Amino acid sequence: MKSSWKKQRQTTKKRQIKWLRIKHRLIKRYAPNIEAFIKLFDDVRRAVSNISMAIGKAFINIGKSLRPSNATVLAIDVPPIGFGADIKCYVEDIPGGRS
């Protein structure tokens, strides 16, 4: 007849093995989906960054096309959109702007 500590140890091992099997089953089932999700998120982040840079460049082009009579501010601030950077278009960069 087994002593109680041996039974407890055996039960604990069985429980650990059971949870390991569940864990490995979950990893096997969902790990490829997690990798695909991370890749998709990176692609979306890259696309948002490209869009925000395009919007910033469009604002710079609009600022450069301003006439000197309309150029009353020292700088045109473009707020950062998504992961884009803060872009400033200075009046000095506009042809015919204040020097």
C-alpha atoms as a PDB file:
ATOM      1  CA  MET A   1       0.000   0.000   0.000  1.00  0.00           C
ATOM      2  CA  LYS A   2       1.309   3.444  -0.980  1.00  0.00           C
ATOM      3  CA  SER A   3       1.837   6.084   1.621  1.00  0.00           C
ATOM      4  CA  SER A   4      -0.160   9.309   1.389  1.00  0.00           C
ATOM      5  CA  TRP A   5       2.799  11.519   0.356  1.00  0.00           C
ATOM      6  CA  LYS A   6       3.479   9.252  -2.632  1.00  0.00           C
ATOM      7  CA  LYS A   7      -0.169   9.512  -3.692  1.00  0.00           C
ATOM      8  CA  GLN A   8      -0.062  13.294  -3.337  1.00  0.00           C
ATOM      9  CA  ARG A   9       3.120  13.483  -5.381  1.00  0.00           C
ATOM     10  CA  GLN A  10       1.654  11.283  -8.083  1.00  0.00           C
ATOM     11  CA  THR A  11      -1.523  13.383  -8.177  1.00  0.00           C
ATOM     12  CA  THR A  12       0.529  16.579  -8.418  1.00  0.00           C
ATOM     13  CA  LYS A  13       2.560  15.160 -11.310  1.00  0.00           C
ATOM     14  CA  LYS A  14      -0.609  14.103 -13.117  1.00  0.00           C
ATOM     15  CA  ARG A  15      -2.038  17.589 -12.655  1.00  0.00           C
ATOM     16  CA  GLN A  16       1.169  19.197 -13.986  1.00  0.00           C
ATOM     17  CA  ILE A  17       1.197  16.900 -17.004  1.00  0.00           C
ATOM     18  CA  LYS A  18      -2.461  17.692 -17.671  1.00  0.00           C
ATOM     19  CA  TRP A  19      -1.793  21.455 -17.647  1.00  0.00           C
ATOM     20  CA  LEU A  20       1.314  21.031 -19.794  1.00  0.00           C
ATOM     21  CA  ARG A  21      -0.744  19.153 -22.384  1.00  0.00           C
ATOM     22  CA  ILE A  22      -3.396  21.887 -22.369  1.00  0.00           C
ATOM     23  CA  LYS A  23      -0.712  24.580 -22.657  1.00  0.00           C
ATOM     24  CA  HIS A  24       1.038  22.872 -25.576  1.00  0.00           C
ATOM     25  CA  ARG A  25      -2.277  22.270 -27.308  1.00  0.00           C
ATOM     26  CA  LEU A  26      -3.133  25.979 -27.015  1.00  0.00           C
ATOM     27  CA  ILE A  27       0.315  27.033 -28.241  1.00  0.00           C
ATOM     28  CA  LYS A  28       0.107  24.644 -31.175  1.00  0.00           C
ATOM     29  CA  ARG A  29      -3.357  25.885 -32.114  1.00  0.00           C
ATOM     30  CA  TYR A  30      -2.965  29.658 -31.632  1.00  0.00           C
ATOM     31  CA  ALA A  31       0.749  30.469 -32.069  1.00  0.00           C
ATOM     32  CA  PRO A  32       0.620  30.747 -35.891  1.00  0.00           C
ATOM     33  CA  ASN A  33      -2.377  33.078 -35.585  1.00  0.00           C
ATOM     34  CA  ILE A  34      -0.509  35.277 -33.091  1.00  0.00           C
ATOM     35  CA  GLU A  35       2.436  35.588 -35.494  1.00  0.00           C
ATOM     36  CA  ALA A  36       0.068  36.484 -38.337  1.00  0.00           C
ATOM     37  CA  PHE A  37      -1.649  39.073 -36.112  1.00  0.00           C
ATOM     38  CA  ILE A  38       1.692  40.665 -35.157  1.00  0.00           C
ATOM     39  CA  LYS A  39       2.708  40.811 -38.839  1.00  0.00           C
ATOM     40  CA  LEU A  40      -0.654  42.359 -39.756  1.00  0.00           C
ATOM     41  CA  PHE A  41      -0.292  44.953 -36.970  1.00  0.00           C
ATOM     42  CA  ASP A  42       3.207  45.891 -38.229  1.00  0.00           C
ATOM     43  CA  ASP A  43       1.867  46.271 -41.778  1.00  0.00           C
ATOM     44  CA  VAL A  44      -0.981  48.487 -40.557  1.00  0.00           C
ATOM     45  CA  ARG A  45       1.437  50.613 -38.509  1.00  0.00           C
ATOM     46  CA  ARG A  46       3.705  51.040 -41.550  1.00  0.00           C
ATOM     47  CA  ALA A  47       0.733  52.015 -43.756  1.00  0.00           C
ATOM     48  CA  VAL A  48      -0.492  54.608 -41.225  1.00  0.00           C
ATOM     49  CA  SER A  49       3.008  56.078 -41.053  1.00  0.00           C
ATOM     50  CA  ASN A  50       3.195  56.335 -44.856  1.00  0.00           C
ATOM     51  CA  ILE A  51      -0.229  57.992 -45.023  1.00  0.00           C
ATOM     52  CA  SER A  52       0.684  60.530 -42.342  1.00  0.00           C
ATOM     53  CA  MET A  53       3.927  61.387 -44.141  1.00  0.00           C
ATOM     54  CA  ALA A  54       1.981  61.902 -47.400  1.00  0.00           C
ATOM     55  CA  ILE A  55      -0.471  64.220 -45.612  1.00  0.00           C
ATOM     56  CA  GLY A  56       2.453  66.152 -44.103  1.00  0.00           C
ATOM     57  CA  LYS A  57       4.086  66.564 -47.519  1.00  0.00           C
ATOM     58  CA  ALA A  58       0.774  67.770 -48.953  1.00  0.00           C
ATOM     59  CA  PHE A  59       0.570  70.441 -46.238  1.00  0.00           C
ATOM     60  CA  ILE A  60       4.138  71.518 -47.020  1.00  0.00           C
ATOM     61  CA  ASN A  61       3.264  71.801 -50.723  1.00  0.00           C
ATOM     62  CA  ILE A  62       0.185  73.870 -49.853  1.00  0.00           C
ATOM     63  CA  GLY A  63       2.361  76.098 -47.671  1.00  0.00           C
ATOM     64  CA  LYS A  64       4.903  76.558 -50.468  1.00  0.00           C
ATOM     65  CA  SER A  65       2.167  77.543 -52.905  1.00  0.00           C
ATOM     66  CA  LEU A  66       0.970  80.416 -50.668  1.00  0.00           C
ATOM     67  CA  ARG A  67       1.436  83.924 -52.036  1.00  0.00           C
ATOM     68  CA  PRO A  68       3.461  86.421 -49.946  1.00  0.00           C
ATOM     69  CA  SER A  69       0.241  88.359 -49.238  1.00  0.00           C
ATOM     70  CA  ASN A  70      -1.244  85.256 -47.613  1.00  0.00           C
ATOM     71  CA  ALA A  71       1.939  84.348 -45.728  1.00  0.00           C
ATOM     72  CA  THR A  72       1.287  86.150 -42.453  1.00  0.00           C
ATOM     73  CA  VAL A  73       2.536  83.467 -40.057  1.00  0.00           C
ATOM     74  CA  LEU A  74       6.141  82.512 -39.422  1.00  0.00           C
ATOM     75  CA  ALA A  75       5.488  78.777 -39.586  1.00  0.00           C
ATOM     76  CA  ILE A  76       2.688  76.446 -40.596  1.00  0.00           C
ATOM     77  CA  ASP A  77       2.435  73.632 -38.061  1.00  0.00           C
ATOM     78  CA  VAL A  78       1.276  70.234 -39.241  1.00  0.00           C
ATOM     79  CA  PRO A  79       0.090  68.141 -36.288  1.00  0.00           C
ATOM     80  CA  PRO A  80       1.518  64.628 -36.159  1.00  0.00           C
ATOM     81  CA  ILE A  81      -0.963  62.067 -37.466  1.00  0.00           C
ATOM     82  CA  GLY A  82      -0.591  58.432 -36.428  1.00  0.00           C
ATOM     83  CA  PHE A  83       3.070  57.539 -36.197  1.00  0.00           C
ATOM     84  CA  GLY A  84       4.250  60.445 -38.416  1.00  0.00           C
ATOM     85  CA  ALA A  85       6.665  63.123 -37.303  1.00  0.00           C
ATOM     86  CA  ASP A  86       5.967  66.771 -36.564  1.00  0.00           C
ATOM     87  CA  ILE A  87       6.638  68.678 -39.785  1.00  0.00           C
ATOM     88  CA  LYS A  88       6.995  72.470 -40.031  1.00  0.00           C
ATOM     89  CA  CYS A  89       6.945  74.529 -43.200  1.00  0.00           C
ATOM     90  CA  TYR A  90       8.712  77.828 -42.657  1.00  0.00           C
ATOM     91  CA  VAL A  91       7.761  80.938 -44.595  1.00  0.00           C
ATOM     92  CA  GLU A  92      11.410  81.306 -45.629  1.00  0.00           C
ATOM     93  CA  ASP A  93      10.993  78.052 -47.586  1.00  0.00           C
ATOM     94  CA  ILE A  94       8.109  79.555 -49.573  1.00  0.00           C
ATOM     95  CA  PRO A  95       9.263  81.306 -52.750  1.00  0.00           C
ATOM     96  CA  GLY A  96       8.741  85.034 -52.252  1.00  0.00           C
ATOM     97  CA  GLY A  97       8.180  84.654 -48.504  1.00  0.00           C
ATOM     98  CA  ARG A  98       9.650  86.885 -45.788  1.00  0.00           C
ATOM     99  CA  SER A  99      13.398  86.576 -45.292  1.00  0.00           C
END
